[in-house]
Protein backbone atom coordinates (compact mmCIF):
# COMPACT_ATOMS: atom_id res chain seq x y z
CA MET A 1 -6.10 -9.13 5.41
CA LEU A 2 -5.42 -12.14 2.50
CA ASP A 3 -8.17 -14.90 3.41
CA ASN A 4 -9.03 -17.77 0.97
CA SER A 5 -11.99 -16.02 -0.71
CA LEU A 6 -9.21 -14.73 -2.91
CA VAL A 7 -8.56 -18.32 -4.36
CA GLU A 8 -11.74 -18.12 -6.55
CA THR A 9 -11.53 -15.24 -7.31
CA TYR A 10 -8.97 -15.65 -9.84
CA ALA A 11 -10.29 -19.14 -10.18
CA GLY A 12 -9.66 -19.95 -13.78
CA LEU A 13 -7.43 -17.93 -14.63
CA GLU A 14 -3.98 -18.43 -15.83
CA GLY A 15 -0.37 -16.84 -17.60
CA ARG A 16 -0.89 -13.43 -19.03
CA ASP A 17 -4.41 -12.87 -17.96
CA LEU A 18 -4.02 -14.12 -13.97
CA ILE A 19 -0.90 -11.65 -14.01
CA LYS A 20 -3.03 -8.43 -15.15
CA SER A 21 -5.56 -9.36 -12.97
CA VAL A 22 -3.48 -9.76 -9.68
CA LEU A 23 -1.57 -6.41 -10.51
CA ARG A 24 -4.55 -4.63 -10.98
CA ASN A 25 -6.14 -5.65 -7.72
CA HIS A 26 -2.85 -5.60 -5.57
CA VAL A 27 -1.12 -2.53 -6.78
CA GLY A 28 2.01 -1.62 -5.21
CA LYS A 29 1.61 -5.28 -3.10
CA THR A 30 3.16 -7.61 -5.67
CA ALA A 31 6.64 -8.56 -6.19
CA LEU A 32 7.72 -11.52 -8.53
CA VAL A 33 10.59 -13.88 -7.70
CA SER A 34 12.91 -15.18 -10.21
CA SER A 35 16.11 -16.88 -10.81
CA PHE A 36 16.75 -15.91 -13.74
CA GLY A 37 17.39 -19.90 -14.35
CA ALA A 38 16.65 -22.24 -17.61
CA GLU A 39 12.62 -21.21 -17.72
CA SER A 40 12.66 -17.80 -16.64
CA ALA A 41 12.47 -15.57 -19.89
CA VAL A 42 8.87 -16.77 -20.39
CA LEU A 43 7.74 -15.12 -16.99
CA LEU A 44 9.67 -12.05 -17.12
CA HIS A 45 8.37 -11.39 -20.37
CA MET A 46 4.76 -11.83 -19.91
CA VAL A 47 5.39 -9.30 -16.61
CA SER A 48 7.54 -6.81 -19.22
CA GLU A 49 4.11 -6.79 -21.36
CA ILE A 50 2.10 -6.02 -18.70
CA ASP A 51 3.87 -3.83 -16.16
CA PRO A 52 8.21 -3.33 -16.83
CA HIS A 53 8.07 -1.61 -13.45
CA LEU A 54 7.09 -4.45 -10.99
CA PRO A 55 9.62 -5.30 -8.35
CA VAL A 56 11.54 -8.59 -9.65
CA PHE A 57 13.75 -10.11 -6.59
CA PHE A 58 16.52 -12.09 -7.61
CA LEU A 59 18.73 -14.37 -4.79
CA ASP A 60 21.91 -13.46 -5.26
CA THR A 61 23.60 -16.03 -3.03
CA GLY A 62 27.14 -15.68 -3.80
CA LYS A 63 27.07 -19.19 -5.12
CA LEU A 64 25.13 -18.88 -8.68
CA PHE A 65 26.47 -19.27 -12.12
CA GLN A 66 28.68 -16.52 -13.76
CA GLU A 67 26.21 -17.20 -16.94
CA THR A 68 23.02 -16.63 -14.37
CA LEU A 69 24.62 -13.06 -13.60
CA ASP A 70 25.17 -12.78 -17.41
CA TYR A 71 21.67 -14.02 -18.29
CA ARG A 72 20.06 -11.87 -16.10
CA ASP A 73 21.83 -8.54 -17.14
CA ILE A 74 21.15 -9.27 -20.88
CA LEU A 75 17.27 -10.54 -19.91
CA ILE A 76 17.13 -7.26 -17.95
CA VAL A 77 18.14 -4.91 -20.93
CA GLU A 78 16.50 -6.81 -23.74
CA LEU A 79 12.66 -7.13 -21.67
CA GLY A 80 12.89 -3.68 -20.50
CA LEU A 81 12.79 -4.79 -17.15
CA THR A 82 13.62 -1.39 -14.82
CA ASN A 83 13.05 -2.80 -10.98
CA VAL A 84 14.86 -5.70 -10.68
CA ARG A 85 16.38 -5.77 -7.01
CA SER A 86 19.24 -8.30 -6.40
CA ILE A 87 19.17 -9.76 -2.68
CA GLN A 88 21.97 -10.75 -1.27
CA PRO A 89 22.52 -12.95 1.98
CA ALA A 90 23.53 -10.84 5.42
CA ARG A 91 27.02 -10.32 5.74
CA GLU A 92 26.39 -11.60 9.55
CA ASP A 93 24.78 -14.82 8.66
CA LEU A 94 27.46 -15.56 6.46
CA GLU A 95 30.16 -14.81 8.86
CA ALA A 96 28.31 -16.37 11.82
CA PHE A 97 27.42 -20.20 9.79
CA ASP A 98 29.82 -20.12 6.28
CA SER A 99 32.53 -18.26 6.99
CA ASP A 100 34.79 -20.73 4.98
CA GLY A 101 31.75 -20.38 2.05
CA TYR A 102 31.70 -24.74 2.40
CA LEU A 103 28.59 -25.04 3.94
CA HIS A 104 26.86 -26.20 1.54
CA LEU A 105 28.61 -29.65 1.43
CA LEU A 106 28.09 -30.60 5.43
CA ASP A 107 24.12 -28.72 5.52
CA THR A 108 22.20 -27.72 2.07
CA GLY A 109 19.20 -27.22 4.19
CA THR A 110 21.01 -24.28 6.43
CA CYS A 111 22.85 -23.10 3.37
CA CYS A 112 19.68 -22.07 1.41
CA ASN A 113 18.54 -21.01 4.57
CA ILE A 114 20.81 -18.42 5.01
CA ARG A 115 21.39 -17.59 1.57
CA LYS A 116 18.02 -17.73 0.24
CA ALA A 117 15.47 -18.17 2.43
CA ILE A 118 16.18 -15.37 4.93
CA PRO A 119 17.34 -12.59 2.95
CA LEU A 120 13.98 -13.42 0.45
CA GLU A 121 11.69 -13.06 3.95
CA LYS A 122 13.47 -9.88 4.77
CA ALA A 123 12.94 -8.18 1.21
CA LEU A 124 9.51 -9.26 0.87
CA ALA A 125 8.06 -7.05 4.12
CA GLY A 126 5.54 -5.10 3.10
CA PHE A 127 4.50 -7.08 0.04
CA ASP A 128 1.30 -9.11 0.09
CA VAL A 129 1.30 -11.06 -3.28
CA VAL A 130 3.89 -12.88 -4.68
CA ILE A 131 4.23 -14.38 -8.04
CA SER A 132 7.08 -16.97 -9.20
CA GLY A 133 7.17 -19.63 -11.82
CA ARG A 134 6.88 -22.76 -10.83
CA LYS A 135 5.15 -25.56 -12.87
CA ARG A 136 4.27 -29.03 -12.71
CA PHE A 137 5.53 -30.85 -14.78
CA HIS A 138 8.58 -30.16 -12.91
CA GLY A 139 7.05 -33.07 -10.69
CA ALA A 140 7.82 -33.50 -6.74
CA ALA A 141 6.35 -31.07 -4.37
CA ARG A 142 5.32 -28.96 -7.39
CA ALA A 143 3.15 -31.94 -8.90
CA ASP A 144 -0.19 -30.80 -7.62
CA LEU A 145 0.61 -26.96 -8.09
CA ASP A 146 -2.08 -24.47 -7.69
CA PHE A 147 -2.65 -21.20 -10.03
CA ILE A 148 -3.12 -19.52 -6.41
CA ASN A 149 -3.12 -20.34 -3.03
CA ILE A 150 -2.07 -18.88 0.35
CA ALA A 151 1.11 -19.31 2.48
CA ASP A 152 2.69 -17.33 5.55
CA GLY A 153 -0.20 -14.54 4.93
CA ARG A 154 0.64 -13.50 1.60
CA LEU A 155 -0.96 -15.00 -1.93
CA LYS A 156 1.09 -16.99 -3.90
CA VAL A 157 0.58 -16.70 -7.87
CA GLU A 158 1.80 -19.60 -10.01
CA PRO A 159 1.00 -18.23 -13.78
CA LEU A 160 2.86 -21.33 -15.35
CA ALA A 161 1.40 -23.96 -13.05
CA GLY A 162 -0.20 -25.85 -16.06
CA PHE A 163 2.35 -25.03 -18.58
CA THR A 164 4.01 -28.09 -20.39
CA ALA A 165 8.05 -27.98 -21.40
CA LEU A 166 6.52 -28.14 -24.72
CA ASP A 167 4.47 -24.83 -24.11
CA ILE A 168 7.75 -23.04 -22.19
CA HIS A 169 9.88 -24.02 -25.44
CA ALA A 170 7.15 -22.67 -28.17
CA TYR A 171 6.56 -19.38 -25.86
CA MET A 172 10.49 -19.12 -26.04
CA VAL A 173 10.72 -19.71 -29.96
CA SER A 174 7.80 -17.22 -30.85
CA HIS A 175 9.16 -14.38 -29.05
CA HIS A 176 12.31 -15.38 -30.02
CA LEU A 177 13.44 -15.10 -26.15
CA PRO A 178 17.51 -16.11 -25.43
CA SER A 179 17.94 -18.56 -23.78
CA HIS A 180 20.60 -19.53 -20.56
CA PRO A 181 23.56 -20.03 -21.93
CA LEU A 182 24.01 -23.51 -19.59
CA LYS A 183 20.40 -24.72 -20.54
CA LEU A 184 22.71 -25.27 -24.20
CA GLU A 185 25.30 -27.19 -22.51
CA GLY A 186 22.54 -29.58 -21.25
CA TYR A 187 21.24 -27.92 -17.57
CA ARG A 188 17.04 -27.87 -17.69
CA SER A 189 17.24 -26.70 -14.32
CA ILE A 190 19.81 -24.24 -12.91
CA GLY A 191 20.21 -22.95 -9.22
CA CYS A 192 23.67 -22.51 -7.14
CA GLU A 193 26.72 -23.68 -8.98
CA PRO A 194 28.01 -26.18 -6.38
CA CYS A 195 24.13 -27.97 -6.13
CA THR A 196 23.80 -28.29 -10.00
CA LYS A 197 24.62 -30.93 -12.44
CA ARG A 198 23.93 -30.89 -16.21
CA GLY A 199 20.93 -33.11 -16.90
CA GLY A 200 17.29 -33.46 -16.37
CA SER A 201 14.29 -34.06 -18.75
CA ASP A 202 10.98 -33.08 -19.98
CA GLU A 203 9.79 -35.72 -17.10
CA ASP A 204 12.24 -34.46 -14.61
CA PRO A 205 13.97 -31.50 -15.37
CA ARG A 206 15.03 -30.72 -12.05
CA ALA A 207 17.10 -33.68 -11.88
CA GLY A 208 20.21 -32.30 -12.14
CA ARG A 209 19.40 -30.34 -8.59
CA TRP A 210 20.92 -31.82 -5.01
CA SER A 211 21.68 -34.66 -6.96
CA GLY A 212 21.93 -37.53 -5.01
CA THR A 213 20.18 -36.32 -2.46
CA ASP A 214 16.59 -36.39 -1.42
CA LYS A 215 16.22 -32.80 -1.42
CA THR A 216 14.03 -31.22 -3.95
CA GLU A 217 13.17 -27.80 -3.09
CA CYS A 218 15.56 -24.74 -1.70
CA GLY A 219 12.58 -23.64 1.16
CA ILE A 220 11.61 -20.05 -0.65
CA HIS A 221 8.52 -21.81 -1.92
CA PHE A 222 7.33 -22.08 1.82
CA THR A 223 7.33 -25.90 0.31
CA ALA A 224 10.32 -28.56 0.66
CA ASN A 225 9.36 -32.20 -0.25
CA GLY A 226 5.69 -31.67 -0.13
CA GLN A 227 5.58 -30.23 3.61
CA ILE A 228 4.11 -26.94 4.67
CA ILE A 229 7.38 -24.76 6.54
CA ARG A 230 8.46 -21.84 8.09
CA THR A 231 11.41 -19.33 7.21
CA VAL A 232 13.64 -19.82 10.39
CA GLN A 233 14.45 -17.10 11.69
CA ARG A 234 18.38 -15.94 12.38
CA GLN A 235 18.86 -16.85 15.53
CA THR A 236 17.48 -20.38 15.55
CA VAL A 237 19.07 -21.31 11.71
CA ALA A 238 21.94 -23.55 13.32
CA ALA A 239 19.31 -25.75 14.94
């Protein structure tokens, strides 16, 4: 059983040191969630040097840019990742709630739920620890991000929480990591194609996500616009 004392166990650790310590203490119970987006190569590279066999969950929503799918394949090979698992939404959920594929135009919350939150929660069954690549400089609900916290009974690990945009760039350059093709075209944060626009800055890299709305999170990280949420079960997804 996880409790808040674990937060103190990893106090003062970040980056590689935090990843190493967590993997050492939670063997076989840890997974990484990656979008293979604009900044994903940094965390994936760190993990590849520590444990290239670590389960990496990639949410293939059916709405991603082809460039993201291609980038995923490139990084898998270049970094030697051996356990990347592409997670897709359940066919029955798509048939029930998004049969025409246009749900994102009517209800982005439900769309993210059936294409991301529900599939990920199912995939994470049996895992006690989840590593992701969120950073404080992304702002909004992420501005006060902790390196370690507990949410919904899992240890949430954010090794790059304190990284700045300059840190990300410097790491990419020093390790000769390939950039996401769309980043070279001006996309600073990359999600599903219908809900992502070119743009963003060091001060607000996620400005192109759900542009024109007050939505800033898809919900898979247990927080949406600063509020703790729970994954909605399939039978109540339309509520």
